[in-house]
Each structure stands twice: as C-alpha cells, then as structure tokens.
C-alpha cells in the first residue's frame, strides 16, 4: 500500500497585505502541506484569540517567531492538562517504516500546556492567507531583531 500525498487545505491567496496585517516568510515545515517553507503569509495582528487547528504566528520568549497551530490536549476531565492548549504542527505526521508502511499512531510536535490567556500573550496574530509577491516579505534567512529603548539626553 502506497501512502498518498495529503492535499493542501484551502488558504486564501492574496496579492497585497490586508489592512491590519503583516507579512512573514515561513522558515520551517510545521504547517505543511497547507503552508510550506518559504511561503509568505499575511498575519492579522488584531486576531490573537487562539482557536484550535488554525495557524498562528507566535513569538517565543527568545524573540524567534514560528507559524504553528493551537490544539487541545486529549487529557481526561479533572486532570491538570484538561482544557489546556498546545502549539505545534498543524497536521500530525505519520511515522513510516523503511519499507514505506505506516508505523504506530500519527505524532504531533507540541509545546505546552497553555491557558488561553498565556497563549494569547505569545500570539502575534492569525495567518489569514498566503501572499503572491516575493517583495512583500523579508528574506528567508532574516532573523528577528529585538529593539532596546534608550532615553535620549
């Protein structure tokens, strides 16, 4: 049995950055096949309320940014993780044997658990579309910079 490639989930294709959005060049494969490494996405910075299985741009505590999906844990009611969110791959990945057959359950990389409030603090915004124009985003190897505010005397 041969595994078939997963088709890309629908994502709006844009020719300009919508009002209230920023452009971000994706530098990893956490949301493939919907959003691929090198895609330029539009991020709505006004939409920072986590919704499960939607792609978001988040900023880690070290200043790096990533497009990830928020998802609920499957913890039983009453446990410390019940009702908490994790962030990670948009689609679970299937481990394959050397012979090309699926092995075990699909896996998902994740970081968490977070409350809605904790995750909202990390959110830059929700990914609302993929941009066509290469000139709208920084180069792929661009690293995010943190600015320091200093008083001018």
Protein backbone atom coordinates (compact mmCIF):
# COMPACT_ATOMS: atom_id res chain seq x y z
CA UNK A 1 0.00 0.00 0.00
CA UNK A 2 1.43 3.38 -1.02
CA UNK A 3 0.75 6.48 1.05
CA UNK A 4 -0.87 9.24 -0.97
CA UNK A 5 0.28 12.85 -0.52
CA UNK A 6 -2.06 14.99 1.58
CA UNK A 7 -3.59 17.80 -0.50
CA UNK A 8 -3.12 21.36 0.75
CA UNK A 9 -6.02 22.61 2.80
CA UNK A 10 -7.55 25.74 1.34
CA UNK A 11 -5.80 29.00 2.17
CA UNK A 12 -6.70 32.38 0.69
CA UNK A 13 -4.12 33.63 -1.83
CA UNK A 14 -3.53 37.39 -1.61
CA UNK A 15 -1.87 39.90 -3.92
CA UNK A 16 -1.43 42.54 -1.22
CA UNK A 17 -1.16 42.75 2.55
CA UNK A 18 -4.61 43.42 4.05
CA UNK A 19 -5.10 46.33 6.46
CA UNK A 20 -4.03 45.36 9.99
CA UNK A 21 -1.79 42.55 8.74
CA UNK A 22 1.95 41.96 8.49
CA UNK A 23 3.92 39.72 6.13
CA UNK A 24 6.02 36.84 7.44
CA UNK A 25 8.18 34.38 5.50
CA UNK A 26 7.76 30.84 6.87
CA UNK A 27 11.10 29.20 7.66
CA UNK A 28 10.01 25.71 8.75
CA UNK A 29 7.62 22.92 7.77
CA UNK A 30 5.29 22.82 10.81
CA UNK A 31 2.18 23.61 8.77
CA UNK A 32 2.85 21.60 5.61
CA UNK A 33 1.16 20.85 3.32
CA UNK A 34 -1.15 23.86 3.87
CA UNK A 35 1.68 26.35 4.41
CA UNK A 36 5.11 25.41 3.11
CA UNK A 37 8.64 26.52 3.99
CA UNK A 38 9.35 29.69 2.03
CA UNK A 39 5.69 30.77 1.71
CA UNK A 40 4.94 34.37 2.61
CA UNK A 41 1.90 34.59 4.84
CA UNK A 42 -0.31 37.51 5.86
CA UNK A 43 -0.81 37.65 9.63
CA UNK A 44 -3.76 39.53 11.12
CA UNK A 45 -2.25 41.14 14.22
CA UNK A 46 -5.71 42.03 15.56
CA UNK A 47 -6.79 38.36 15.79
CA UNK A 48 -4.92 36.92 18.77
CA UNK A 49 -7.55 34.66 20.36
CA UNK A 50 -6.40 31.04 19.98
CA UNK A 51 -8.74 28.75 18.04
CA UNK A 52 -7.84 25.07 17.73
CA UNK A 53 -6.41 23.84 14.41
CA UNK A 54 -5.87 27.33 12.98
CA UNK A 55 -2.39 28.59 12.01
CA UNK A 56 -0.93 31.45 14.06
CA UNK A 57 2.33 33.35 14.17
CA UNK A 58 3.71 33.25 17.70
CA UNK A 59 6.77 34.83 19.26
CA UNK A 60 8.82 32.64 21.56
CA UNK A 61 10.47 34.05 24.69
CA UNK A 62 13.82 34.32 22.82
CA UNK A 63 12.28 36.60 20.16
CA UNK A 64 12.13 33.97 17.38
CA UNK A 65 8.83 33.58 15.55
CA UNK A 66 7.08 30.49 14.14
CA UNK A 67 3.85 29.64 12.37
CA UNK A 68 2.18 26.96 14.46
CA UNK A 69 -1.29 25.59 15.17
CA UNK A 70 -3.04 25.62 18.51
CA UNK A 71 -4.71 22.39 19.59
CA UNK A 72 -6.38 20.91 22.64
CA UNK A 73 -4.90 18.07 24.64
CA UNK A 74 -6.87 14.85 24.96
CA UNK A 75 -6.42 14.82 28.74
CA UNK A 76 -9.27 13.45 30.82
CA UNK A 77 -11.58 15.86 32.61
CA UNK A 78 -10.21 16.74 36.04
CA UNK A 79 -6.54 16.38 35.08
CA UNK A 80 -4.15 19.35 35.21
CA UNK A 81 -3.98 19.41 31.38
CA UNK A 82 -7.74 19.32 30.76
CA UNK A 83 -8.91 22.32 28.72
CA UNK A 84 -5.33 23.45 28.00
CA UNK A 85 -3.89 24.30 24.60
CA UNK A 86 -0.64 23.23 22.99
CA UNK A 87 1.06 24.65 19.91
CA UNK A 88 2.85 22.67 17.22
CA UNK A 89 2.40 21.09 13.82
CA UNK A 90 -0.86 21.85 12.02
CA UNK A 91 -1.15 18.26 10.82
CA UNK A 92 0.01 15.15 12.71
CA UNK A 93 2.87 13.28 11.00
CA UNK A 94 2.76 9.56 10.31
CA UNK A 95 5.93 7.61 11.11
CA UNK A 96 6.85 5.21 8.29
CA UNK A 97 8.92 2.03 8.26
CA UNK A 98 11.88 1.65 5.90
CA UNK A 99 9.53 -0.38 3.70
CA UNK A 100 7.12 2.57 3.43
CA UNK A 101 4.31 1.30 5.63
CA UNK A 102 2.74 3.38 8.43
CA UNK A 103 4.01 2.62 11.95
CA UNK A 104 2.06 3.47 15.11
CA UNK A 105 -0.21 6.44 15.61
CA UNK A 106 0.36 9.81 13.89
CA UNK A 107 2.51 12.14 16.02
CA UNK A 108 2.40 15.88 16.56
CA UNK A 109 5.24 18.07 17.83
CA UNK A 110 3.99 20.24 20.65
CA UNK A 111 4.81 22.86 23.25
CA UNK A 112 2.59 23.50 26.24
CA UNK A 113 0.25 23.25 28.00
CA UNK A 114 -1.01 26.84 27.92
CA UNK A 115 -4.15 28.54 29.12
CA UNK A 116 -5.95 30.69 26.53
CA UNK A 117 -4.54 33.81 28.22
CA UNK A 118 -0.95 32.51 28.25
CA UNK A 119 -1.09 31.57 24.58
CA UNK A 120 -2.74 34.86 23.58
CA UNK A 121 0.28 36.69 25.07
CA UNK A 122 2.62 34.80 22.70
CA UNK A 123 0.42 35.35 19.64
CA UNK A 124 1.45 37.85 17.01
CA UNK A 125 -1.70 37.06 15.02
CA UNK A 126 -3.67 34.56 12.95
CA UNK A 127 -2.46 33.57 9.48
CA UNK A 128 -5.16 34.73 7.04
CA UNK A 129 -3.59 33.98 3.67
CA UNK A 130 -0.55 33.36 1.51
CA UNK A 131 0.95 36.31 -0.39
CA UNK A 132 1.94 36.01 -4.04
CA UNK A 133 4.50 38.83 -4.21
CA UNK A 134 8.01 37.86 -3.01
CA UNK A 135 8.86 41.51 -2.38
CA UNK A 136 6.35 41.76 0.50
CA UNK A 137 8.38 39.69 2.98
CA UNK A 138 11.90 39.65 4.44
CA UNK A 139 14.45 37.14 3.10
CA UNK A 140 14.16 33.56 4.37
CA UNK A 141 17.34 33.80 6.44
CA UNK A 142 16.35 37.06 8.13
CA UNK A 143 16.48 36.78 11.90
CA UNK A 144 14.05 38.69 14.09
CA UNK A 145 15.58 41.60 15.96
CA UNK A 146 14.63 42.93 19.34
CA UNK A 147 14.94 46.65 19.82
CA UNK A 148 16.08 48.32 23.01
CA UNK A 149 14.60 51.63 24.05
CA UNK A 150 17.04 54.17 25.41
CA UNK A 151 16.41 57.63 26.72
CA UNK A 152 17.96 60.38 24.67
CA UNK A 153 19.54 63.12 26.73
